[in-house]
């Protein structure tokens, strides 16, 4: 079993959470306190910072593990 996490899968998880909550990238950026460009980048390339993963988890009311899996 590999301990390597593909950051693009994290991006897909963030996008899925955004869509499940009926949010546009712009709405998420405004609510999350970042730019739309950052949201696009997170969704396309993923997130490599556990702090950012924790921030998204807290925002969406899920655990960081949910995003990482």
C-alpha atoms as a PDB file:
ATOM      1  CA  UNK A   1       0.000   0.000   0.000  1.00  0.00           C
ATOM      2  CA  UNK A   2       1.328   3.418  -0.970  1.00  0.00           C
ATOM      3  CA  UNK A   3       1.346   6.394   1.383  1.00  0.00           C
ATOM      4  CA  UNK A   4       1.549   8.832  -1.526  1.00  0.00           C
ATOM      5  CA  UNK A   5      -1.525  10.964  -2.073  1.00  0.00           C
ATOM      6  CA  UNK A   6      -2.230  12.260  -5.574  1.00  0.00           C
ATOM      7  CA  UNK A   7      -2.948  15.972  -5.130  1.00  0.00           C
ATOM      8  CA  UNK A   8      -5.172  15.932  -8.231  1.00  0.00           C
ATOM      9  CA  UNK A   9      -7.526  13.562  -6.411  1.00  0.00           C
ATOM     10  CA  UNK A  10      -7.781  16.130  -3.636  1.00  0.00           C
ATOM     11  CA  UNK A  11      -8.722  18.704  -6.259  1.00  0.00           C
ATOM     12  CA  UNK A  12     -11.424  16.396  -7.586  1.00  0.00           C
ATOM     13  CA  UNK A  13     -12.757  15.929  -4.055  1.00  0.00           C
ATOM     14  CA  UNK A  14     -12.912  19.689  -3.514  1.00  0.00           C
ATOM     15  CA  UNK A  15     -14.738  20.122  -6.820  1.00  0.00           C
ATOM     16  CA  UNK A  16     -17.193  17.355  -5.898  1.00  0.00           C
ATOM     17  CA  UNK A  17     -17.888  19.013  -2.546  1.00  0.00           C
ATOM     18  CA  UNK A  18     -18.386  22.371  -4.248  1.00  0.00           C
ATOM     19  CA  UNK A  19     -20.823  20.905  -6.769  1.00  0.00           C
ATOM     20  CA  UNK A  20     -22.663  18.897  -4.097  1.00  0.00           C
ATOM     21  CA  UNK A  21     -23.222  22.181  -2.266  1.00  0.00           C
ATOM     22  CA  UNK A  22     -24.427  23.911  -5.453  1.00  0.00           C
ATOM     23  CA  UNK A  23     -21.636  26.470  -5.377  1.00  0.00           C
ATOM     24  CA  UNK A  24     -19.921  28.111  -8.303  1.00  0.00           C
ATOM     25  CA  UNK A  25     -16.182  28.601  -8.174  1.00  0.00           C
ATOM     26  CA  UNK A  26     -16.834  32.305  -7.661  1.00  0.00           C
ATOM     27  CA  UNK A  27     -19.190  31.695  -4.741  1.00  0.00           C
ATOM     28  CA  UNK A  28     -16.747  29.304  -3.092  1.00  0.00           C
ATOM     29  CA  UNK A  29     -13.891  31.752  -3.555  1.00  0.00           C
ATOM     30  CA  UNK A  30     -15.919  34.553  -1.963  1.00  0.00           C
ATOM     31  CA  UNK A  31     -17.008  32.368   0.954  1.00  0.00           C
ATOM     32  CA  UNK A  32     -13.591  30.793   1.391  1.00  0.00           C
ATOM     33  CA  UNK A  33     -11.768  34.125   1.244  1.00  0.00           C
ATOM     34  CA  UNK A  34      -9.617  33.524  -1.807  1.00  0.00           C
ATOM     35  CA  UNK A  35      -9.692  34.231  -5.531  1.00  0.00           C
ATOM     36  CA  UNK A  36     -11.598  32.332  -8.183  1.00  0.00           C
ATOM     37  CA  UNK A  37      -8.239  31.647  -9.803  1.00  0.00           C
ATOM     38  CA  UNK A  38      -7.113  29.876  -6.616  1.00  0.00           C
ATOM     39  CA  UNK A  39     -10.223  27.684  -6.609  1.00  0.00           C
ATOM     40  CA  UNK A  40      -9.651  26.782 -10.269  1.00  0.00           C
ATOM     41  CA  UNK A  41      -6.037  25.928  -9.467  1.00  0.00           C
ATOM     42  CA  UNK A  42      -6.994  23.846  -6.421  1.00  0.00           C
ATOM     43  CA  UNK A  43      -9.553  21.885  -8.436  1.00  0.00           C
ATOM     44  CA  UNK A  44      -7.257  21.330 -11.427  1.00  0.00           C
ATOM     45  CA  UNK A  45      -3.925  20.725  -9.713  1.00  0.00           C
ATOM     46  CA  UNK A  46      -4.966  19.751  -6.221  1.00  0.00           C
ATOM     47  CA  UNK A  47      -3.763  20.948  -2.859  1.00  0.00           C
ATOM     48  CA  UNK A  48      -0.397  20.068  -1.359  1.00  0.00           C
ATOM     49  CA  UNK A  49      -0.832  21.870   1.959  1.00  0.00           C
ATOM     50  CA  UNK A  50      -2.567  19.984   4.749  1.00  0.00           C
ATOM     51  CA  UNK A  51      -3.536  23.357   6.245  1.00  0.00           C
ATOM     52  CA  UNK A  52      -5.528  24.193   3.106  1.00  0.00           C
ATOM     53  CA  UNK A  53      -7.105  20.721   3.117  1.00  0.00           C
ATOM     54  CA  UNK A  54      -8.125  21.313   6.751  1.00  0.00           C
ATOM     55  CA  UNK A  55      -9.588  24.703   5.817  1.00  0.00           C
ATOM     56  CA  UNK A  56     -11.706  23.142   3.053  1.00  0.00           C
ATOM     57  CA  UNK A  57     -12.763  20.318   5.367  1.00  0.00           C
ATOM     58  CA  UNK A  58     -13.867  22.792   8.023  1.00  0.00           C
ATOM     59  CA  UNK A  59     -15.701  24.924   5.455  1.00  0.00           C
ATOM     60  CA  UNK A  60     -17.626  21.954   4.039  1.00  0.00           C
ATOM     61  CA  UNK A  61     -18.184  20.303   7.425  1.00  0.00           C
ATOM     62  CA  UNK A  62     -16.296  17.115   6.589  1.00  0.00           C
ATOM     63  CA  UNK A  63     -13.099  15.590   7.900  1.00  0.00           C
ATOM     64  CA  UNK A  64      -9.773  16.084   6.154  1.00  0.00           C
ATOM     65  CA  UNK A  65      -9.695  12.303   5.712  1.00  0.00           C
ATOM     66  CA  UNK A  66     -12.866  12.563   3.604  1.00  0.00           C
ATOM     67  CA  UNK A  67     -11.053  14.915   1.248  1.00  0.00           C
ATOM     68  CA  UNK A  68      -7.843  12.888   1.206  1.00  0.00           C
ATOM     69  CA  UNK A  69      -9.537   9.602   0.299  1.00  0.00           C
END
